[in-house]
Amino acid sequence: FTAPDVICLGDPATFSFTGSAAPASSYSWNFGTAGTQTGAGPHTVTWNSPGTYTATLSVSTPEGCADTYSQDVGVSNVNVTATTSQAFVNPGTNVQLNAAATSALNGALTYTWTASSGSLSCDDCSDPLATPVDDNTTYVITVVDEYDCSATANLAVGLIYQKVVTIPNAFSPNG
C-alpha cells in the first residue's frame, strides 16, 4: 500500500492498496490508536498525538491465502514559545527576544521572525535583538520543522517614555 512517511498532527493520512489480490479478497487495516478499517481503500486516518505509528494491512483470499504488510508513519508536531525579559523598553533600546521550539519527531527547525515595526538583528535565528519603534510592537515567530509542520507564537514589546526634569545647579540673574 501507499502511505505518507510523515504527517503533521491533525492532518489526515491516506492509505491506498496498490498490490494485487484475488477477487473477493478481504482487506483488514489496523492503524493502532487511530482504529481499524476494512476494504481495499483508500482510507483516511488521523492520529490525535505525535509519535510513530505502525499501519498494517492484512489481505486474505477466499482460498485461505494471506499476506501482511506494515509501514511506520511519523506524526510530527511543533511547539514554540516566545519570551522576552523586558515587556517595555526606552526608545532606541534593544531587547532580547527568545524562541524555544521543539519538533515531536526531533526534526530540524527553521525560524522566521516578523515585526509590526522596528528592526531585528536577524529574522531567521531563535534569539534576535529587537529594536521597537512604536508604542506597542508585535513580534511573531514561526517555526517549521523538516517535515513542514509549523507553530507560531507572538509577543509585544512597548516603549516607555521617561520624563526627565533638569534642575540647574547655578543661574545668573541676567542670563
Protein backbone atom coordinates (compact mmCIF):
# COMPACT_ATOMS: atom_id res chain seq x y z
CA PHE A 1 0.00 0.00 0.00
CA THR A 2 0.96 3.61 -0.28
CA ALA A 3 1.13 5.86 2.75
CA PRO A 4 2.97 9.01 3.77
CA ASP A 5 6.20 8.66 5.74
CA VAL A 6 5.39 11.65 7.98
CA ILE A 7 2.35 13.85 8.53
CA CYS A 8 1.67 16.77 10.86
CA LEU A 9 -0.54 16.36 13.89
CA GLY A 10 -4.16 16.91 12.86
CA ASP A 11 -3.51 16.27 9.16
CA PRO A 12 -5.09 13.21 7.56
CA ALA A 13 -3.02 10.34 6.15
CA THR A 14 -4.37 8.48 3.13
CA PHE A 15 -3.71 4.76 2.70
CA SER A 16 -4.35 3.00 -0.62
CA PHE A 17 -3.90 -0.66 -1.53
CA THR A 18 -1.57 -0.90 -4.54
CA GLY A 19 -0.93 -4.63 -4.64
CA SER A 20 -2.83 -7.35 -6.46
CA ALA A 21 -5.22 -9.78 -4.85
CA ALA A 22 -7.71 -12.38 -5.99
CA PRO A 23 -11.29 -11.22 -6.48
CA ALA A 24 -13.39 -11.37 -3.27
CA SER A 25 -10.28 -10.99 -1.07
CA SER A 26 -10.77 -9.37 2.33
CA TYR A 27 -8.73 -6.39 3.49
CA SER A 28 -8.15 -5.64 7.15
CA TRP A 29 -6.36 -2.41 8.10
CA ASN A 30 -5.01 -1.71 11.59
CA PHE A 31 -3.91 1.84 12.35
CA GLY A 32 -3.17 1.37 16.06
CA THR A 33 -4.75 4.13 18.14
CA ALA A 34 -6.46 5.51 15.00
CA GLY A 35 -8.60 2.36 14.72
CA THR A 36 -9.25 -0.33 12.13
CA GLN A 37 -10.93 -0.33 8.74
CA THR A 38 -11.83 -2.88 6.07
CA GLY A 39 -11.83 -2.81 2.27
CA ALA A 40 -9.12 -2.00 -0.26
CA GLY A 41 -9.41 1.75 0.39
CA PRO A 42 -8.37 4.44 0.04
CA HIS A 43 -8.74 5.12 3.76
CA THR A 44 -8.09 8.38 5.55
CA VAL A 45 -6.76 8.30 9.11
CA THR A 46 -5.87 10.99 11.65
CA TRP A 47 -3.88 10.44 14.85
CA ASN A 48 -4.53 12.53 17.97
CA SER A 49 -1.00 12.69 19.35
CA PRO A 50 2.50 12.91 17.89
CA GLY A 51 4.71 9.84 17.60
CA THR A 52 5.46 6.94 15.27
CA TYR A 53 2.61 4.60 14.42
CA THR A 54 2.55 1.34 12.51
CA ALA A 55 -0.13 0.81 9.86
CA THR A 56 -0.73 -2.84 8.96
CA LEU A 57 -2.72 -4.33 6.09
CA SER A 58 -3.70 -7.99 6.05
CA VAL A 59 -5.15 -9.40 2.83
CA SER A 60 -6.84 -12.83 2.75
CA THR A 61 -8.13 -14.66 -0.31
CA PRO A 62 -11.27 -16.82 -0.25
CA GLU A 63 -8.98 -19.87 -0.56
CA GLY A 64 -7.24 -19.01 2.72
CA CYS A 65 -4.02 -17.48 1.42
CA ALA A 66 -2.95 -14.42 3.44
CA ASP A 67 -0.26 -11.79 3.44
CA THR A 68 0.51 -8.86 5.73
CA TYR A 69 2.40 -5.63 5.10
CA SER A 70 3.29 -2.94 7.66
CA GLN A 71 4.67 0.58 7.38
CA ASP A 72 5.57 3.16 10.02
CA VAL A 73 4.06 6.64 9.80
CA GLY A 74 5.51 9.52 11.81
CA VAL A 75 3.21 12.17 13.22
CA SER A 76 5.10 15.37 13.94
CA ASN A 77 4.11 18.49 15.82
CA VAL A 78 5.94 21.73 16.54
CA ASN A 79 5.61 23.72 19.76
CA VAL A 80 7.04 27.21 20.20
CA THR A 81 7.01 29.83 22.93
CA ALA A 82 8.29 33.38 22.60
CA THR A 83 9.57 35.33 25.59
CA THR A 84 11.47 38.45 26.48
CA SER A 85 12.81 39.66 29.80
CA GLN A 86 11.53 43.20 29.17
CA ALA A 87 7.97 43.99 28.14
CA PHE A 88 8.80 47.72 27.97
CA VAL A 89 11.99 49.46 26.84
CA ASN A 90 13.16 53.03 26.34
CA PRO A 91 13.02 54.31 22.75
CA GLY A 92 16.13 53.34 20.79
CA THR A 93 16.94 50.49 23.17
CA ASN A 94 17.39 46.86 22.10
CA VAL A 95 15.60 43.97 23.74
CA GLN A 96 16.47 40.25 23.52
CA LEU A 97 13.71 38.03 22.11
CA ASN A 98 13.81 34.30 22.77
CA ALA A 99 12.07 31.45 20.95
CA ALA A 100 12.04 27.96 22.43
CA ALA A 101 10.80 25.34 19.98
CA THR A 102 10.61 21.57 19.68
CA SER A 103 9.66 19.10 16.97
CA ALA A 104 7.86 15.96 18.18
CA LEU A 105 9.98 13.84 15.82
CA ASN A 106 13.15 15.83 16.61
CA GLY A 107 13.19 17.34 13.13
CA ALA A 108 15.49 20.22 12.21
CA LEU A 109 13.85 23.59 12.85
CA THR A 110 13.85 26.84 10.90
CA TYR A 111 12.87 30.16 12.50
CA THR A 112 11.21 33.17 10.88
CA TRP A 113 10.62 36.37 12.87
CA THR A 114 8.50 39.29 11.69
CA ALA A 115 7.89 42.62 13.40
CA SER A 116 4.97 45.01 13.09
CA SER A 117 7.57 47.80 13.16
CA GLY A 118 11.17 48.38 14.12
CA SER A 119 14.08 46.11 13.32
CA LEU A 120 15.53 42.72 14.23
CA SER A 121 19.20 41.72 14.34
CA CYS A 122 18.22 38.58 12.40
CA ASP A 123 14.91 37.19 11.19
CA ASP A 124 16.00 33.55 10.87
CA CYS A 125 17.53 32.84 14.29
CA SER A 126 15.98 31.76 17.58
CA ASP A 127 17.08 34.73 19.72
CA PRO A 128 17.31 38.06 17.86
CA LEU A 129 17.80 41.52 19.30
CA ALA A 130 14.80 43.72 18.59
CA THR A 131 14.58 47.48 18.37
CA PRO A 132 10.94 48.55 18.66
CA VAL A 133 9.92 51.97 17.33
CA ASP A 134 6.20 52.04 18.15
CA ASP A 135 4.45 52.10 21.50
CA ASN A 136 3.31 48.52 21.03
CA THR A 137 5.39 46.46 18.61
CA THR A 138 4.30 42.88 17.96
CA TYR A 139 6.89 40.23 17.13
CA VAL A 140 5.77 36.96 15.54
CA ILE A 141 7.89 33.81 15.42
CA THR A 142 7.01 30.96 13.07
CA VAL A 143 8.91 27.72 13.45
CA VAL A 144 8.81 24.96 10.81
CA ASP A 145 10.33 21.52 11.21
CA GLU A 146 11.88 19.46 8.41
CA TYR A 147 8.51 17.69 7.94
CA ASP A 148 6.80 21.01 7.14
CA CYS A 149 4.88 21.14 10.41
CA SER A 150 4.70 24.59 11.96
CA ALA A 151 3.74 26.62 15.01
CA THR A 152 3.50 30.35 15.66
CA ALA A 153 3.82 32.49 18.77
CA ASN A 154 3.86 36.23 19.29
CA LEU A 155 4.78 38.76 21.91
CA ALA A 156 4.53 42.51 22.32
CA VAL A 157 7.13 45.00 23.45
CA GLY A 158 6.08 48.51 24.37
CA LEU A 159 8.02 51.72 24.65
CA ILE A 160 8.25 53.53 27.94
CA TYR A 161 8.84 57.24 27.92
CA GLN A 162 10.51 58.73 30.96
CA LYS A 163 10.08 62.40 31.68
CA VAL A 164 13.34 63.97 32.63
CA VAL A 165 13.44 67.13 34.70
CA THR A 166 16.73 69.01 34.74
CA ILE A 167 17.35 71.24 37.69
CA PRO A 168 20.21 73.68 37.15
CA ASN A 169 22.80 73.89 39.89
CA ALA A 170 23.66 77.53 39.11
CA PHE A 171 22.00 80.54 37.50
CA SER A 172 22.68 84.10 36.63
CA PRO A 173 20.09 86.87 37.09
CA ASN A 174 21.00 88.50 33.77
CA GLY A 175 21.12 85.28 31.73
